[in-house]
Amino acid sequence: MYENNNISALRARMIEENSKLGSPENMTKWWLLGTSGCHLCDIAEQLITQLQAVQRVTYEHVDIADFSEPLMMEFATTIPVILTPTKRLNYPFSVLDLQQL
């Protein structure tokens, strides 16, 4: 798990490329980074759904294919990735890992 100011900078870069992510309601959401056809991304989404049964979590699915190539390639080999406003968690992870975010 990554935890530092780099997460804020990373989220800012993503907002620059996808202004929808900069909306006030998205600023506190978790972002599930993935892409179409990614079966691990489907599993990650199921894990978030399981977590939502016991903890209030809102998230936005973010398709890395919508980013420029350099930003997309930053995640291409690590998706799915969870980005909270302050932390990054690369797959593989469990519901317990998500609870610690």
C-alpha atoms as a PDB file:
ATOM      1  CA  MET A   1       0.000   0.000   0.000  1.00  0.00           C
ATOM      2  CA  TYR A   2       1.257   3.447  -0.917  1.00  0.00           C
ATOM      3  CA  GLU A   3       0.518   6.274   1.487  1.00  0.00           C
ATOM      4  CA  ASN A   4       1.922   9.748   0.890  1.00  0.00           C
ATOM      5  CA  ASN A   5       1.580  13.028  -0.973  1.00  0.00           C
ATOM      6  CA  ASN A   6       2.203  11.244  -4.272  1.00  0.00           C
ATOM      7  CA  ILE A   7      -1.407  10.032  -4.156  1.00  0.00           C
ATOM      8  CA  SER A   8      -2.687  13.610  -4.176  1.00  0.00           C
ATOM      9  CA  ALA A   9      -0.425  14.439  -7.109  1.00  0.00           C
ATOM     10  CA  LEU A  10      -1.523  11.309  -8.961  1.00  0.00           C
ATOM     11  CA  ARG A  11      -5.201  12.075  -8.437  1.00  0.00           C
ATOM     12  CA  ALA A  12      -4.568  15.648  -9.625  1.00  0.00           C
ATOM     13  CA  ARG A  13      -2.972  14.315 -12.845  1.00  0.00           C
ATOM     14  CA  MET A  14      -5.954  12.058 -13.394  1.00  0.00           C
ATOM     15  CA  ILE A  15      -8.375  14.952 -12.863  1.00  0.00           C
ATOM     16  CA  GLU A  16      -6.442  16.995 -15.440  1.00  0.00           C
ATOM     17  CA  GLU A  17      -7.117  14.275 -17.993  1.00  0.00           C
ATOM     18  CA  ASN A  18     -10.690  13.504 -16.902  1.00  0.00           C
ATOM     19  CA  SER A  19     -12.393  16.592 -15.493  1.00  0.00           C
ATOM     20  CA  LYS A  20     -15.401  14.518 -14.358  1.00  0.00           C
ATOM     21  CA  LEU A  21     -13.184  13.100 -11.606  1.00  0.00           C
ATOM     22  CA  GLY A  22     -12.742  16.609 -10.211  1.00  0.00           C
ATOM     23  CA  SER A  23     -16.397  17.006  -9.253  1.00  0.00           C
ATOM     24  CA  PRO A  24     -16.985  17.657  -5.537  1.00  0.00           C
ATOM     25  CA  GLU A  25     -18.704  14.286  -5.006  1.00  0.00           C
ATOM     26  CA  ASN A  26     -15.764  12.431  -6.589  1.00  0.00           C
ATOM     27  CA  MET A  27     -13.138  14.085  -4.406  1.00  0.00           C
ATOM     28  CA  THR A  28     -13.910  11.827  -1.430  1.00  0.00           C
ATOM     29  CA  LYS A  29     -14.756   8.670  -3.365  1.00  0.00           C
ATOM     30  CA  TRP A  30     -12.472   5.739  -3.842  1.00  0.00           C
ATOM     31  CA  TRP A  31     -11.488   5.234  -7.467  1.00  0.00           C
ATOM     32  CA  LEU A  32     -11.360   1.698  -8.837  1.00  0.00           C
ATOM     33  CA  LEU A  33      -8.938   1.838 -11.743  1.00  0.00           C
ATOM     34  CA  GLY A  34      -9.422  -0.819 -14.365  1.00  0.00           C
ATOM     35  CA  THR A  35     -10.518  -1.348 -17.937  1.00  0.00           C
ATOM     36  CA  SER A  36     -13.064  -3.223 -19.995  1.00  0.00           C
ATOM     37  CA  GLY A  37     -12.579  -6.984 -20.088  1.00  0.00           C
ATOM     38  CA  CYS A  38     -10.374  -7.092 -16.982  1.00  0.00           C
ATOM     39  CA  HIS A  39     -11.587 -10.081 -14.956  1.00  0.00           C
ATOM     40  CA  LEU A  40      -9.469  -9.063 -11.953  1.00  0.00           C
ATOM     41  CA  CYS A  41     -11.222  -5.687 -12.026  1.00  0.00           C
ATOM     42  CA  ASP A  42     -14.554  -7.527 -11.785  1.00  0.00           C
ATOM     43  CA  ILE A  43     -13.239  -9.387  -8.738  1.00  0.00           C
ATOM     44  CA  ALA A  44     -12.073  -6.123  -7.172  1.00  0.00           C
ATOM     45  CA  GLU A  45     -15.531  -4.646  -7.691  1.00  0.00           C
ATOM     46  CA  GLN A  46     -17.068  -7.688  -5.973  1.00  0.00           C
ATOM     47  CA  LEU A  47     -14.709  -7.176  -3.022  1.00  0.00           C
ATOM     48  CA  ILE A  48     -15.789  -3.540  -2.716  1.00  0.00           C
ATOM     49  CA  THR A  49     -19.430  -4.658  -2.792  1.00  0.00           C
ATOM     50  CA  GLN A  50     -18.704  -7.111   0.035  1.00  0.00           C
ATOM     51  CA  LEU A  51     -17.053  -4.332   2.025  1.00  0.00           C
ATOM     52  CA  GLN A  52     -20.070  -2.076   1.485  1.00  0.00           C
ATOM     53  CA  ALA A  53     -22.153  -4.594   3.454  1.00  0.00           C
ATOM     54  CA  VAL A  54     -20.278  -3.600   6.624  1.00  0.00           C
ATOM     55  CA  GLN A  55     -18.696  -0.213   5.867  1.00  0.00           C
ATOM     56  CA  ARG A  56     -19.919   2.841   4.006  1.00  0.00           C
ATOM     57  CA  VAL A  57     -17.762   3.190   0.916  1.00  0.00           C
ATOM     58  CA  THR A  58     -18.525   5.050  -2.283  1.00  0.00           C
ATOM     59  CA  TYR A  59     -16.417   4.487  -5.342  1.00  0.00           C
ATOM     60  CA  GLU A  60     -16.134   5.450  -8.970  1.00  0.00           C
ATOM     61  CA  HIS A  61     -15.014   3.011 -11.649  1.00  0.00           C
ATOM     62  CA  VAL A  62     -12.308   4.742 -13.707  1.00  0.00           C
ATOM     63  CA  ASP A  63     -11.303   3.247 -17.059  1.00  0.00           C
ATOM     64  CA  ILE A  64      -7.573   3.730 -17.603  1.00  0.00           C
ATOM     65  CA  ALA A  65      -8.144   3.550 -21.382  1.00  0.00           C
ATOM     66  CA  ASP A  66      -9.584   7.079 -21.129  1.00  0.00           C
ATOM     67  CA  PHE A  67      -6.201   8.491 -20.090  1.00  0.00           C
ATOM     68  CA  SER A  68      -3.206   9.521 -22.160  1.00  0.00           C
ATOM     69  CA  GLU A  69      -0.801   6.709 -22.964  1.00  0.00           C
ATOM     70  CA  PRO A  70       1.817   7.669 -20.329  1.00  0.00           C
ATOM     71  CA  LEU A  71      -0.776   7.780 -17.546  1.00  0.00           C
ATOM     72  CA  MET A  72      -2.529   4.652 -18.795  1.00  0.00           C
ATOM     73  CA  MET A  73       0.777   2.755 -18.901  1.00  0.00           C
ATOM     74  CA  GLU A  74       1.430   3.699 -15.290  1.00  0.00           C
ATOM     75  CA  PHE A  75      -1.434   1.354 -14.354  1.00  0.00           C
ATOM     76  CA  ALA A  76      -1.515  -1.112 -17.261  1.00  0.00           C
ATOM     77  CA  THR A  77       0.346  -3.886 -15.424  1.00  0.00           C
ATOM     78  CA  THR A  78      -1.072  -3.256 -11.949  1.00  0.00           C
ATOM     79  CA  ILE A  79      -4.846  -2.983 -12.442  1.00  0.00           C
ATOM     80  CA  PRO A  80      -7.066  -3.220 -10.633  1.00  0.00           C
ATOM     81  CA  VAL A  81      -5.912  -0.401  -8.383  1.00  0.00           C
ATOM     82  CA  ILE A  82      -7.844   1.303  -5.601  1.00  0.00           C
ATOM     83  CA  LEU A  83      -7.067   4.981  -5.086  1.00  0.00           C
ATOM     84  CA  THR A  84      -8.523   6.659  -2.039  1.00  0.00           C
ATOM     85  CA  PRO A  85      -7.906  10.361  -1.458  1.00  0.00           C
ATOM     86  CA  THR A  86      -4.789   9.394   0.538  1.00  0.00           C
ATOM     87  CA  LYS A  87      -3.826   5.791  -0.301  1.00  0.00           C
ATOM     88  CA  ARG A  88      -3.158   3.443  -3.207  1.00  0.00           C
ATOM     89  CA  LEU A  89      -3.722  -0.305  -3.098  1.00  0.00           C
ATOM     90  CA  ASN A  90      -2.638  -2.528  -5.986  1.00  0.00           C
ATOM     91  CA  TYR A  91      -4.185  -5.929  -6.628  1.00  0.00           C
ATOM     92  CA  PRO A  92      -4.091  -8.544  -5.183  1.00  0.00           C
ATOM     93  CA  PHE A  93      -6.050  -7.448  -2.130  1.00  0.00           C
ATOM     94  CA  SER A  94      -8.790  -8.795   0.096  1.00  0.00           C
ATOM     95  CA  VAL A  95     -11.800  -7.323   1.869  1.00  0.00           C
ATOM     96  CA  LEU A  96      -9.621  -7.087   4.983  1.00  0.00           C
ATOM     97  CA  ASP A  97      -7.066  -5.029   3.057  1.00  0.00           C
ATOM     98  CA  LEU A  98      -9.855  -2.736   1.877  1.00  0.00           C
ATOM     99  CA  GLN A  99     -11.114  -2.299   5.445  1.00  0.00           C
ATOM    100  CA  GLN A 100      -7.715  -0.907   6.423  1.00  0.00           C
ATOM    101  CA  LEU A 101      -7.876   1.906   3.866  1.00  0.00           C
END
